[in-house]
Protein backbone atom coordinates (compact mmCIF):
# COMPACT_ATOMS: atom_id res chain seq x y z
CA MET A 1 -28.65 -53.49 28.92
CA PRO A 2 -25.32 -52.09 27.74
CA VAL A 3 -24.33 -48.69 29.08
CA GLU A 4 -21.57 -46.41 27.82
CA LEU A 5 -19.21 -44.70 30.26
CA THR A 6 -16.77 -42.00 29.18
CA ARG A 7 -13.67 -40.95 31.08
CA ARG A 8 -11.64 -37.85 30.17
CA THR A 9 -7.94 -37.29 30.81
CA HIS A 10 -5.15 -35.08 29.50
CA PHE A 11 -1.43 -35.10 28.77
CA ALA A 12 1.20 -33.03 26.99
CA ALA A 13 3.28 -34.46 24.16
CA SER A 14 5.16 -33.40 21.06
CA HIS A 15 5.44 -34.69 17.54
CA ARG A 16 6.60 -33.90 14.05
CA LEU A 17 4.38 -34.53 11.07
CA HIS A 18 6.66 -35.89 8.39
CA SER A 19 6.01 -38.68 5.90
CA PRO A 20 8.92 -40.79 4.67
CA HIS A 21 6.89 -41.32 1.47
CA LEU A 22 7.13 -37.62 0.56
CA SER A 23 10.00 -35.31 -0.30
CA ASP A 24 11.13 -32.70 2.22
CA GLU A 25 9.49 -30.04 0.04
CA GLU A 26 6.19 -31.95 -0.08
CA ASN A 27 6.28 -32.47 3.69
CA ARG A 28 6.80 -28.74 4.28
CA ARG A 29 4.00 -27.87 1.86
CA ILE A 30 1.50 -30.36 3.31
CA TYR A 31 2.27 -30.10 7.02
CA GLY A 32 3.51 -26.49 7.22
CA ALA A 33 4.67 -25.50 10.70
CA CYS A 34 3.81 -29.01 11.94
CA ASN A 35 6.80 -30.25 9.91
CA ASN A 36 9.29 -28.33 12.09
CA PRO A 37 12.37 -30.60 12.30
CA TYR A 38 12.36 -30.33 16.10
CA GLY A 39 8.64 -30.97 16.42
CA HIS A 40 6.03 -29.05 18.33
CA GLY A 41 3.79 -29.82 21.28
CA HIS A 42 0.14 -30.02 22.23
CA ASN A 43 -1.89 -30.28 25.37
CA TYR A 44 -4.02 -33.26 24.42
CA TYR A 45 -7.36 -34.21 25.93
CA MET A 46 -8.58 -37.76 25.53
CA GLU A 47 -11.98 -39.31 26.06
CA VAL A 48 -12.16 -43.07 26.49
CA THR A 49 -15.63 -44.59 26.19
CA VAL A 50 -16.30 -48.14 27.36
CA GLU A 51 -19.46 -50.20 27.19
CA GLY A 52 -20.82 -52.92 29.42
CA ASP A 53 -23.67 -54.11 31.58
CA PRO A 54 -23.94 -52.60 35.07
CA ASP A 55 -23.10 -55.05 37.82
CA PRO A 56 -26.27 -55.62 39.88
CA SER A 57 -24.38 -55.35 43.18
CA THR A 58 -22.36 -52.16 42.40
CA GLY A 59 -24.35 -50.47 39.65
CA MET A 60 -21.11 -49.93 37.72
CA ILE A 61 -19.86 -51.37 34.46
CA ILE A 62 -16.28 -50.84 35.71
CA ASN A 63 -14.86 -49.23 38.80
CA LEU A 64 -13.63 -45.75 37.82
CA THR A 65 -10.42 -46.26 39.79
CA GLU A 66 -9.67 -49.39 37.77
CA LEU A 67 -10.46 -47.62 34.49
CA ASP A 68 -8.31 -44.63 35.44
CA ASP A 69 -5.43 -46.94 36.41
CA ILE A 70 -5.56 -48.74 33.05
CA ILE A 71 -5.71 -45.50 31.05
CA ASP A 72 -2.97 -43.89 33.14
CA ASN A 73 -0.56 -46.84 33.34
CA GLU A 74 -1.00 -48.21 29.82
CA LEU A 75 -1.18 -44.93 27.95
CA VAL A 76 -0.83 -41.57 29.71
CA LYS A 77 2.38 -42.38 31.61
CA ARG A 78 3.91 -43.68 28.36
CA VAL A 79 3.14 -40.54 26.32
CA ASP A 80 2.97 -37.61 28.76
CA HIS A 81 5.84 -35.18 28.13
CA HIS A 82 7.28 -37.42 25.43
CA HIS A 83 7.88 -37.06 21.71
CA PHE A 84 5.68 -39.43 19.66
CA ASN A 85 8.27 -39.78 16.89
CA TYR A 86 11.15 -40.79 19.18
CA ASP A 87 10.11 -41.68 22.72
CA VAL A 88 6.95 -43.78 22.38
CA PRO A 89 7.57 -47.29 21.00
CA PHE A 90 4.04 -47.85 19.70
CA THR A 91 4.02 -44.57 17.69
CA LYS A 92 7.57 -44.53 16.28
CA ASP A 93 6.58 -46.02 12.94
CA VAL A 94 3.44 -43.96 12.27
CA ILE A 95 2.97 -40.38 11.15
CA PRO A 96 1.67 -39.04 14.49
CA THR A 97 -1.41 -37.22 13.22
CA VAL A 98 -4.31 -37.14 15.63
CA GLU A 99 -6.03 -39.65 13.32
CA ASN A 100 -3.17 -42.16 13.56
CA LEU A 101 -2.70 -41.59 17.29
CA VAL A 102 -6.27 -42.67 18.18
CA VAL A 103 -5.74 -45.90 16.24
CA ALA A 104 -2.42 -46.54 18.00
CA PHE A 105 -3.99 -45.75 21.38
CA TRP A 106 -6.79 -48.23 20.63
CA SER A 107 -4.25 -51.00 20.05
CA VAL A 108 -2.77 -50.32 23.49
CA LEU A 109 -5.99 -49.95 25.50
CA ALA A 110 -8.36 -52.50 23.93
CA PRO A 111 -6.47 -55.63 25.08
CA ARG A 112 -6.32 -54.32 28.67
CA LEU A 113 -10.06 -53.68 29.00
CA THR A 114 -11.29 -57.22 29.50
CA ARG A 115 -14.46 -56.75 31.56
CA VAL A 116 -15.84 -53.96 29.39
CA ARG A 117 -15.65 -53.29 25.67
CA LEU A 118 -13.69 -50.31 24.43
CA LYS A 119 -16.27 -48.39 22.43
CA ARG A 120 -14.49 -45.20 21.30
CA ILE A 121 -11.42 -43.07 21.84
CA ARG A 122 -11.61 -39.37 21.02
CA LEU A 123 -8.37 -37.39 21.09
CA TRP A 124 -8.40 -33.60 21.12
CA GLU A 125 -5.16 -32.14 19.74
CA SER A 126 -6.47 -28.59 20.15
CA GLU A 127 -9.81 -27.05 20.99
CA ASN A 128 -10.59 -27.03 17.26
CA ASN A 129 -9.19 -30.41 16.21
CA SER A 130 -10.03 -33.93 17.34
CA ALA A 131 -10.30 -37.44 15.93
CA ALA A 132 -12.32 -40.41 17.13
CA TYR A 133 -11.87 -44.11 16.53
CA SER A 134 -14.29 -46.92 17.31
CA GLY A 135 -12.08 -49.87 16.55
CA PRO A 136 -11.71 -52.16 13.61
CA PRO A 137 -14.88 -53.16 11.76
CA GLN A 138 -16.71 -55.95 13.52
CA THR A 139 -18.16 -58.81 11.56
CA SER A 140 -21.74 -59.75 12.25
CA GLN A 141 -22.73 -63.33 13.00
CA ALA A 142 -24.82 -63.33 9.82
CA ALA A 143 -21.76 -62.42 7.73
CA ASP A 144 -19.74 -65.12 9.51
CA ARG A 145 -22.30 -67.79 8.53
CA GLU A 146 -22.18 -66.92 4.81
């Protein structure tokens, strides 16, 4: 009986939205103030949802301390008060939109969550703007047999 568990955390980080595939003028037009050459910052909130079967002896799918340690050590400490374009190795080569960040965060967290399955990451860039990612498409066993 799989159960989902969601943990919420927060961090502050900065970024500049700028595409190398566009001219400077196009970048300014598309990204506006978010294209500031020095970047700008956000107070991000992140929800990490995992899924698993409760352990019969503890009633938990994962110990919250263990989950917090993984999220904090693998992700939050690496991005908090850093600039996504320059300081964070796993985001240097992506346009750090909230949409791209959740995908990058997935690639960092998913391999570390071995006893539970990472189900979804939702990243709030502001109170009005968030993106969620549920991982790459999974193939069904039926599709694998064809």
